[in-house]
Amino acid sequence: MQCLTDGVLLYHGSYTEISAIDLSFSRSFLDFGRGFYLTSSYEQALDYIPSAVKKNIRRRKLPSDFRIEDGRLSVYRFHATPDLAIHSFNGANLEWLHFIAANRDSSLFQELLSQFQHWDVISGKVADDSTAATLNSYITGEYGEPGSERADSFTIEQLLPERLTDQFCFRTIKSLGSLEFVRSERYGDLRPDDF
């Protein structure tokens, strides 16, 4: 997993360019809570664009004829500041799993939510669309009681953590001040052979 070091480039795939980040558009029930999500993986951000376009068409935020090739990859440069509180999960471990579960289901592991509320940025492995079914099964108790040794170990095994890439959740206005918008690229120009 990429460390959040000064000058590192981070990426965000969406249906639109995001040159000015507004946390009021952040959704609840995401892995690390409300915030603006970025990754150090150019490919991961690029791969997310078709999904983002389709989701927003279904939610009627976009017209039904919006084309995937018009989606955008936004690029940011991170500028480290000493007063920024950053927590990084070291791999897909129990604390990581429980924190994601707490953010996705408010009835689970509530003590973690209060424990992590003061962090400006939280980073760790991404639990993406391909892992959503496993996480939902964990949260609903299909593998046993969430938090039990059996359910926890089985879920982490199923997620194949070594294949998961990273995500960085910028959760506060202060953290957004550390991001410099660099550019935006059109999906169809980056993946022209897909159309």
Foldseek 3Di string as FASTA:
>chain_A
DDDQDAFQKKKAWAQDEPQDDDQVPFDFLAQQGGFDKIFSDPVVRLVCQVVRVVVCCVVVVDPPPRDSLQIKMWMKTFHDDPVAAEEEDDFDALLSLQSSLCRNDVVGPVVSCVVPVPHQKYKYFHCDPVNVVLSVCLSVQVQHPNVDPRSRVVSSVVSPGVPTGMMMGRHDPVRVVRIHTDDMDGSCVVCVVVD
